């Protein structure tokens, strides 16, 4: 079943971000705002098929997050063929191929945004993923598809941990692509035309080239040209880049004609971002004026701290105390937009437990100035606010 066809328009989703959109982050977002669609962090197809079990952590999810799309990356068609079957077996609603990650370690290897330079290979990955899905739908077992029994047992255990039975009805999942405007320069028309030859269900387009990384402003005029190209093809086009509010979502949809928008860094520290998305839809269609009041960040300090604590507690429940250092950047992102936020943010990068976090928040409530008077490590403060890589 192609869930994309049943989503409201414009689609307002959560963008995949490496090192950020883990199972805990996505669950908190779903509880506080619920985007129309959610993506996992990207996972290398080799790790899905043959890598250490710890790397499958990126494919953990809960039923609350649906529709949930597994994002994969790599450059080997045979591994995409296998990994696509695993995505189906794990019950995901869709499969997304990352063709946009600009990091040197990914792109230089020919994966991620590196695929923009090898369109024939990019197309072969889509073809391989679709073949894997078709063969799985046709009744092929994972062992017949190339998986070792031990790996199949891991997938079965992951399904049990989620509290669901094995997939009883084998239905195809849609294949989508997330990419950029080009490699060194904007070549969006030629690149999108190549992708359209394989008829992906969705193309999500970040408004920068690989060379730009995250510098400069996202080029939404190029995204608009891509939106014109896909009209009438059956493929949806989602825009991505520099969205800081749902008012931005509405404006970009009106200006470019995209079918929807994915929001990445604008959601950091604001799990309630998507809460008023119906108002944004009204704005996008011209049904409401600019004073309709889409202000997702207008949350009380108590509400902000409650979400922060909930996030930290759930993280420990999923990943354990030893991994708490991974929460520090998230804690820092919550600390913005209120008096002495920078001083509190600097303390967040030192947190080692939920109990320590609770104590610091209690102290801040009682005497915020006392936190502000503590030694302030500006470099740590800045580090806490750096977003991880996203495509």
Protein backbone atom coordinates (compact mmCIF):
# COMPACT_ATOMS: atom_id res chain seq x y z
CA UNK A 1 0.00 0.00 0.00
CA UNK A 2 1.40 3.38 -1.00
CA UNK A 3 0.79 5.47 2.11
CA UNK A 4 2.05 8.62 0.37
CA UNK A 5 -1.16 8.79 -1.67
CA UNK A 6 -3.23 9.12 1.50
CA UNK A 7 -1.26 11.86 3.27
CA UNK A 8 -2.83 15.33 3.48
CA UNK A 9 -1.43 18.05 1.21
CA UNK A 10 0.90 19.73 1.56
CA UNK A 11 2.86 16.98 3.29
CA UNK A 12 4.76 18.27 6.33
CA UNK A 13 7.37 15.75 7.46
CA UNK A 14 10.45 15.28 9.61
CA UNK A 15 13.67 15.13 7.62
CA UNK A 16 16.23 12.40 8.33
CA UNK A 17 19.31 13.67 10.19
CA UNK A 18 22.32 11.51 10.91
CA UNK A 19 23.10 11.39 14.62
CA UNK A 20 19.81 13.09 15.47
CA UNK A 21 16.65 11.32 14.30
CA UNK A 22 17.15 8.16 16.34
CA UNK A 23 14.27 6.10 17.73
CA UNK A 24 14.05 8.22 20.88
CA UNK A 25 14.02 11.58 19.08
CA UNK A 26 11.37 10.40 16.63
CA UNK A 27 9.20 9.04 19.43
CA UNK A 28 9.35 12.34 21.33
CA UNK A 29 8.44 14.21 18.13
CA UNK A 30 5.51 11.85 17.54
CA UNK A 31 4.23 12.35 21.08
CA UNK A 32 4.44 16.13 21.01
CA UNK A 33 3.66 17.09 17.43
CA UNK A 34 3.40 14.13 15.02
CA UNK A 35 4.66 15.01 11.52
CA UNK A 36 2.89 13.53 8.50
CA UNK A 37 5.85 11.24 7.78
CA UNK A 38 9.10 10.35 9.54
CA UNK A 39 12.43 8.92 8.32
CA UNK A 40 15.09 6.99 10.21
CA UNK A 41 18.72 8.01 10.28
CA UNK A 42 20.46 6.61 7.25
CA UNK A 43 21.91 3.11 7.54
CA UNK A 44 24.50 1.61 5.21
CA UNK A 45 23.14 -1.30 3.22
CA UNK A 46 26.18 -3.37 4.19
CA UNK A 47 25.32 -2.86 7.86
CA UNK A 48 21.75 -3.99 7.21
CA UNK A 49 22.88 -7.14 5.44
CA UNK A 50 26.14 -8.15 7.08
CA UNK A 51 27.37 -5.57 9.59
CA UNK A 52 27.57 -5.72 13.40
CA UNK A 53 24.18 -5.92 15.09
CA UNK A 54 24.76 -2.61 16.90
CA UNK A 55 24.44 -0.80 13.56
CA UNK A 56 20.86 -2.02 13.22
CA UNK A 57 19.99 0.28 16.13
CA UNK A 58 19.20 2.96 13.53
CA UNK A 59 16.29 0.81 12.30
CA UNK A 60 14.55 0.60 15.68
CA UNK A 61 11.17 2.30 15.72
CA UNK A 62 7.80 2.26 17.47
CA UNK A 63 4.30 1.96 16.06
CA UNK A 64 3.62 5.51 17.26
CA UNK A 65 5.91 6.89 14.56
CA UNK A 66 3.98 5.63 11.54
CA UNK A 67 4.19 6.24 8.72
CA UNK A 68 7.91 5.53 9.14
CA UNK A 69 10.38 5.25 6.25
CA UNK A 70 13.75 3.49 6.48
CA UNK A 71 16.53 5.49 4.86
CA UNK A 72 19.47 3.54 3.40
CA UNK A 73 22.70 4.53 1.71
CA UNK A 74 25.51 2.84 -0.19
CA UNK A 75 26.46 2.10 -3.78
CA UNK A 76 26.17 -1.68 -4.25
CA UNK A 77 23.00 -2.72 -6.13
CA UNK A 78 23.18 -6.28 -4.81
CA UNK A 79 23.14 -5.02 -1.22
CA UNK A 80 20.23 -2.68 -1.96
CA UNK A 81 18.39 -5.69 -3.33
CA UNK A 82 18.91 -7.56 -0.06
CA UNK A 83 18.38 -4.57 2.26
CA UNK A 84 15.07 -3.73 0.60
CA UNK A 85 13.76 -7.14 1.63
CA UNK A 86 14.86 -6.51 5.23
CA UNK A 87 13.04 -3.16 5.22
CA UNK A 88 9.87 -4.99 4.18
CA UNK A 89 10.38 -7.74 6.75
CA UNK A 90 10.80 -5.14 9.51
CA UNK A 91 7.44 -3.63 8.66
CA UNK A 92 8.52 -0.20 7.47
CA UNK A 93 6.04 1.86 5.47
CA UNK A 94 8.58 2.91 2.87
CA UNK A 95 12.22 2.81 1.75
CA UNK A 96 14.20 5.97 1.04
CA UNK A 97 17.58 6.01 -0.73
CA UNK A 98 19.98 8.70 0.44
CA UNK A 99 21.53 10.46 -2.54
CA UNK A 100 22.17 13.72 -0.70
CA UNK A 101 24.59 13.29 2.22
CA UNK A 102 27.50 15.70 1.55
CA UNK A 103 30.01 14.39 4.12
CA UNK A 104 33.41 13.51 2.66
CA UNK A 105 33.42 10.01 4.09
CA UNK A 106 30.11 9.22 2.39
CA UNK A 107 30.16 11.22 -0.85
CA UNK A 108 33.82 10.53 -1.70
CA UNK A 109 33.09 6.82 -1.59
CA UNK A 110 30.45 7.26 -4.28
CA UNK A 111 27.46 7.04 -1.92
CA UNK A 112 25.12 9.80 -0.74
CA UNK A 113 25.46 12.94 -2.84
CA UNK A 114 28.32 11.26 -4.69
CA UNK A 115 25.68 9.41 -6.70
CA UNK A 116 24.76 12.67 -8.44
CA UNK A 117 27.95 12.18 -10.49
CA UNK A 118 27.00 8.61 -11.44
CA UNK A 119 23.34 8.75 -12.52
CA UNK A 120 23.43 5.28 -14.11
CA UNK A 121 24.54 3.76 -10.81
CA UNK A 122 21.95 5.82 -8.95
CA UNK A 123 19.24 4.46 -11.20
CA UNK A 124 20.50 0.90 -10.74
CA UNK A 125 20.15 1.26 -6.96
CA UNK A 126 16.50 2.21 -7.33
CA UNK A 127 15.97 -0.71 -9.70
CA UNK A 128 17.66 -3.14 -7.31
CA UNK A 129 15.61 -1.94 -4.34
CA UNK A 130 12.39 -2.36 -6.31
CA UNK A 131 13.41 -5.88 -7.40
CA UNK A 132 14.08 -6.81 -3.80
CA UNK A 133 10.67 -5.53 -2.76
CA UNK A 134 8.94 -7.33 -5.63
CA UNK A 135 10.65 -10.63 -4.82
CA UNK A 136 9.75 -10.31 -1.14
CA UNK A 137 6.13 -9.57 -2.05
CA UNK A 138 6.20 -12.65 -4.26
CA UNK A 139 6.97 -14.84 -1.25
CA UNK A 140 10.74 -15.09 -1.30
CA UNK A 141 12.22 -15.68 2.14
CA UNK A 142 15.12 -13.64 3.46
CA UNK A 143 17.35 -16.71 3.33
CA UNK A 144 16.45 -17.17 -0.34
CA UNK A 145 17.26 -13.49 -0.84
CA UNK A 146 20.80 -13.96 0.48
CA UNK A 147 20.55 -13.47 4.24
CA UNK A 148 22.17 -15.85 6.71
CA UNK A 149 19.85 -17.45 9.30
CA UNK A 150 21.54 -15.59 12.17
CA UNK A 151 20.72 -12.23 10.56
CA UNK A 152 17.11 -13.29 9.97
CA UNK A 153 16.84 -14.15 13.66
CA UNK A 154 17.98 -10.63 14.54
CA UNK A 155 15.22 -9.13 12.38
CA UNK A 156 12.69 -11.44 14.04
CA UNK A 157 13.88 -10.30 17.47
CA UNK A 158 13.60 -6.64 16.45
CA UNK A 159 9.98 -7.23 15.45
CA UNK A 160 9.22 -8.98 18.74
CA UNK A 161 10.77 -6.12 20.69
CA UNK A 162 8.37 -3.78 18.93
CA UNK A 163 5.54 -6.03 20.09
CA UNK A 164 4.25 -7.04 16.67
CA UNK A 165 3.76 -10.30 14.87
CA UNK A 166 5.63 -11.12 11.66
CA UNK A 167 4.26 -9.42 8.55
CA UNK A 168 1.23 -11.44 7.51
CA UNK A 169 0.35 -9.64 4.28
CA UNK A 170 3.16 -9.06 1.85
CA UNK A 171 2.48 -5.72 0.21
CA UNK A 172 4.98 -3.59 -1.70
CA UNK A 173 6.45 -0.52 -0.02
CA UNK A 174 7.11 2.67 -2.00
CA UNK A 175 10.68 3.70 -2.87
CA UNK A 176 11.71 7.34 -2.55
CA UNK A 177 14.94 9.34 -2.95
CA UNK A 178 16.42 12.21 -0.94
CA UNK A 179 18.99 14.27 -2.81
CA UNK A 180 20.47 17.71 -3.55
CA UNK A 181 20.49 20.24 -6.39
CA UNK A 182 23.79 19.02 -7.81
CA UNK A 183 27.37 18.16 -6.97
CA UNK A 184 29.59 21.20 -7.55
CA UNK A 185 26.95 23.32 -9.29
CA UNK A 186 23.18 23.34 -9.70
CA UNK A 187 22.25 20.68 -12.26
CA UNK A 188 18.82 20.00 -10.87
CA UNK A 189 16.92 19.65 -14.15
CA UNK A 190 19.22 17.01 -15.65
CA UNK A 191 19.54 15.16 -12.34
CA UNK A 192 15.80 15.06 -11.61
CA UNK A 193 15.12 13.85 -15.14
CA UNK A 194 17.47 10.91 -14.52
CA UNK A 195 15.70 9.99 -11.28
CA UNK A 196 12.27 10.29 -12.90
CA UNK A 197 13.22 7.56 -15.36
CA UNK A 198 12.90 5.11 -12.43
CA UNK A 199 9.58 6.57 -11.22
CA UNK A 200 10.34 6.94 -7.50
CA UNK A 201 7.22 7.63 -5.47
CA UNK A 202 8.79 10.73 -3.91
CA UNK A 203 11.87 12.88 -4.47
CA UNK A 204 12.89 14.99 -1.48
CA UNK A 205 15.16 17.82 -2.59
CA UNK A 206 17.52 19.77 -0.34
CA UNK A 207 18.10 23.23 -1.78
CA UNK A 208 21.90 23.14 -1.83
CA UNK A 209 24.62 21.41 -3.82
CA UNK A 210 27.10 19.00 -2.25
CA UNK A 211 29.83 21.65 -2.54
CA UNK A 212 27.76 24.07 -0.46
CA UNK A 213 27.31 21.58 2.40
CA UNK A 214 25.09 23.73 4.67
CA UNK A 215 26.58 27.10 3.76
CA UNK A 216 24.57 29.92 2.23
CA UNK A 217 20.82 29.95 1.74
CA UNK A 218 18.82 27.08 0.31
CA UNK A 219 17.88 27.75 -3.32
CA UNK A 220 14.12 27.40 -3.36
CA UNK A 221 13.89 28.76 -6.92
CA UNK A 222 15.76 25.64 -8.07
CA UNK A 223 13.40 23.51 -5.98
CA UNK A 224 10.49 25.24 -7.75
CA UNK A 225 11.95 24.28 -11.14
CA UNK A 226 12.17 20.68 -9.97
CA UNK A 227 8.55 20.83 -8.81
CA UNK A 228 7.52 21.88 -12.31
CA UNK A 229 9.46 18.98 -13.82
CA UNK A 230 7.69 16.33 -11.76
CA UNK A 231 4.17 17.59 -12.43
CA UNK A 232 2.11 14.90 -14.13
CA UNK A 233 4.76 12.19 -13.67
CA UNK A 234 3.17 10.53 -10.63
CA UNK A 235 6.21 11.39 -8.49
CA UNK A 236 5.82 13.79 -5.57
CA UNK A 237 8.39 16.52 -4.91
CA UNK A 238 9.18 17.61 -1.35
CA UNK A 239 11.38 20.62 -0.60
CA UNK A 240 13.91 20.87 2.21
CA UNK A 241 16.22 23.56 3.56
CA UNK A 242 16.18 26.51 5.99
CA UNK A 243 12.67 25.92 7.31
CA UNK A 244 12.45 27.47 10.77
CA UNK A 245 8.70 27.67 11.30
CA UNK A 246 5.43 26.38 9.91
CA UNK A 247 4.90 29.85 8.44
CA UNK A 248 8.02 29.14 6.37
CA UNK A 249 6.44 25.85 5.28
CA UNK A 250 3.28 27.60 4.07
CA UNK A 251 5.24 30.28 2.22
CA UNK A 252 7.52 27.84 0.44
CA UNK A 253 4.63 25.65 -0.67
CA UNK A 254 2.77 28.66 -2.07
CA UNK A 255 5.86 30.01 -3.85
CA UNK A 256 7.20 26.78 -5.36
CA UNK A 257 4.28 24.42 -5.87
CA UNK A 258 6.00 21.55 -4.06
CA UNK A 259 3.82 18.72 -2.75
CA UNK A 260 5.23 19.18 0.71
CA UNK A 261 8.19 20.07 2.88
CA UNK A 262 10.59 18.17 5.13
CA UNK A 263 11.85 20.03 8.19
CA UNK A 264 15.23 19.23 9.70
CA UNK A 265 17.23 21.55 11.91
CA UNK A 266 14.24 23.77 12.64
CA UNK A 267 12.82 20.97 14.82
CA UNK A 268 15.88 20.64 17.07
CA UNK A 269 14.89 21.36 20.65
CA UNK A 270 11.26 21.87 19.59
CA UNK A 271 9.42 18.51 19.44
CA UNK A 272 6.14 20.43 19.37
CA UNK A 273 7.11 22.04 16.03
CA UNK A 274 4.49 20.13 14.02
CA UNK A 275 1.63 20.61 16.48
CA UNK A 276 -0.15 23.41 14.55
CA UNK A 277 0.51 21.93 11.10
CA UNK A 278 -3.15 22.16 10.10
CA UNK A 279 -2.89 25.96 10.38
CA UNK A 280 0.15 25.84 8.11
CA UNK A 281 -1.83 23.81 5.58
CA UNK A 282 -4.51 26.46 5.64
CA UNK A 283 -1.93 29.15 5.01
CA UNK A 284 -0.36 27.17 2.18
CA UNK A 285 -3.69 26.92 0.39
CA UNK A 286 -4.49 30.59 0.96
CA UNK A 287 -7.29 29.79 3.37
CA UNK A 288 -5.86 31.94 6.16
CA UNK A 289 -3.98 35.18 6.26
CA UNK A 290 -0.52 35.85 7.67
CA UNK A 291 -1.95 36.56 11.11
CA UNK A 292 -3.17 33.00 11.66
CA UNK A 293 -0.57 32.55 14.38
CA UNK A 294 1.58 29.54 13.54
CA UNK A 295 4.08 29.82 16.38
CA UNK A 296 5.33 26.34 17.32
CA UNK A 297 8.06 27.65 19.63
CA UNK A 298 5.71 29.52 21.99
CA UNK A 299 6.04 26.96 24.77
CA UNK A 300 6.32 27.75 28.46
CA UNK A 301 9.59 27.14 30.28
CA UNK A 302 7.92 24.45 32.36
CA UNK A 303 6.66 22.75 29.21
CA UNK A 304 10.09 22.98 27.61
CA UNK A 305 11.83 21.46 30.62
CA UNK A 306 9.19 18.72 30.93
CA UNK A 307 9.79 17.69 27.30
CA UNK A 308 13.55 17.83 27.85
CA UNK A 309 13.33 15.51 30.86
CA UNK A 310 10.95 13.15 29.08
CA UNK A 311 13.39 12.98 26.17
CA UNK A 312 16.34 12.19 28.45
CA UNK A 313 14.44 9.54 30.42
CA UNK A 314 13.21 7.82 27.28
CA UNK A 315 16.71 7.90 25.79
CA UNK A 316 18.11 6.03 28.78
CA UNK A 317 15.25 3.54 28.54
CA UNK A 318 16.10 2.77 24.91
CA UNK A 319 19.88 3.11 24.75
CA UNK A 320 21.08 2.84 28.35
CA UNK A 321 23.02 5.06 30.80
CA UNK A 322 26.40 4.54 29.10
CA UNK A 323 25.15 6.26 25.95
CA UNK A 324 23.91 9.38 27.76
CA UNK A 325 26.65 11.52 26.24
CA UNK A 326 24.72 11.29 22.97
CA UNK A 327 21.86 13.21 24.62
CA UNK A 328 23.97 16.28 25.39
CA UNK A 329 23.49 17.98 22.04
CA UNK A 330 19.72 17.48 22.32
CA UNK A 331 19.69 18.98 25.83
CA UNK A 332 21.52 22.01 24.50
CA UNK A 333 19.03 22.48 21.67
CA UNK A 334 16.17 22.78 24.16
CA UNK A 335 17.93 25.70 25.88
CA UNK A 336 17.07 28.68 23.71
CA UNK A 337 14.67 31.59 23.69
CA UNK A 338 14.53 32.38 27.43
CA UNK A 339 16.65 34.43 29.89
CA UNK A 340 20.01 32.83 30.77
CA UNK A 341 19.42 30.08 28.18
CA UNK A 342 23.02 30.27 26.93
CA UNK A 343 24.41 29.71 30.44
CA UNK A 344 22.12 26.72 30.99
CA UNK A 345 23.01 25.36 27.56
CA UNK A 346 26.68 25.42 28.50
CA UNK A 347 25.85 23.20 31.48
CA UNK A 348 23.94 20.74 29.31
CA UNK A 349 27.08 19.58 27.47
CA UNK A 350 28.42 18.28 30.80
CA UNK A 351 25.40 16.18 31.80
CA UNK A 352 26.01 12.49 32.48
CA UNK A 353 22.66 11.28 33.85
CA UNK A 354 18.98 12.06 34.19
CA UNK A 355 19.49 12.65 37.92
CA UNK A 356 22.20 15.24 37.27
CA UNK A 357 19.99 16.89 34.67
CA UNK A 358 17.05 17.07 37.10
CA UNK A 359 19.24 18.68 39.74
CA UNK A 360 20.51 21.37 37.35
CA UNK A 361 17.00 22.18 36.14
CA UNK A 362 15.72 22.40 39.73
CA UNK A 363 18.57 24.76 40.58
CA UNK A 364 17.82 26.88 37.51
CA UNK A 365 14.16 27.17 38.50
CA UNK A 366 15.13 28.41 41.96
CA UNK A 367 18.00 30.71 41.00
CA UNK A 368 18.57 31.15 37.26
CA UNK A 369 21.13 33.88 37.90
CA UNK A 370 23.25 31.40 39.85
CA UNK A 371 23.55 29.27 36.71
CA UNK A 372 24.44 32.35 34.71
CA UNK A 373 27.24 33.15 37.15
CA UNK A 374 28.91 29.76 36.68
CA UNK A 375 32.04 29.60 34.46
CA UNK A 376 30.86 29.69 30.86
CA UNK A 377 32.75 27.59 28.28
CA UNK A 378 31.76 29.32 25.04
CA UNK A 379 33.31 26.63 22.88
CA UNK A 380 31.26 23.95 24.63
CA UNK A 381 28.17 26.13 24.27
CA UNK A 382 28.75 26.47 20.55
CA UNK A 383 29.44 22.76 20.15
CA UNK A 384 26.15 21.89 21.80
CA UNK A 385 24.25 23.85 19.17
CA UNK A 386 25.86 22.27 16.11
CA UNK A 387 23.45 20.10 14.19
CA UNK A 388 24.66 16.73 12.97
CA UNK A 389 24.83 15.88 9.30
CA UNK A 390 21.63 15.60 7.38
CA UNK A 391 20.97 15.04 3.74
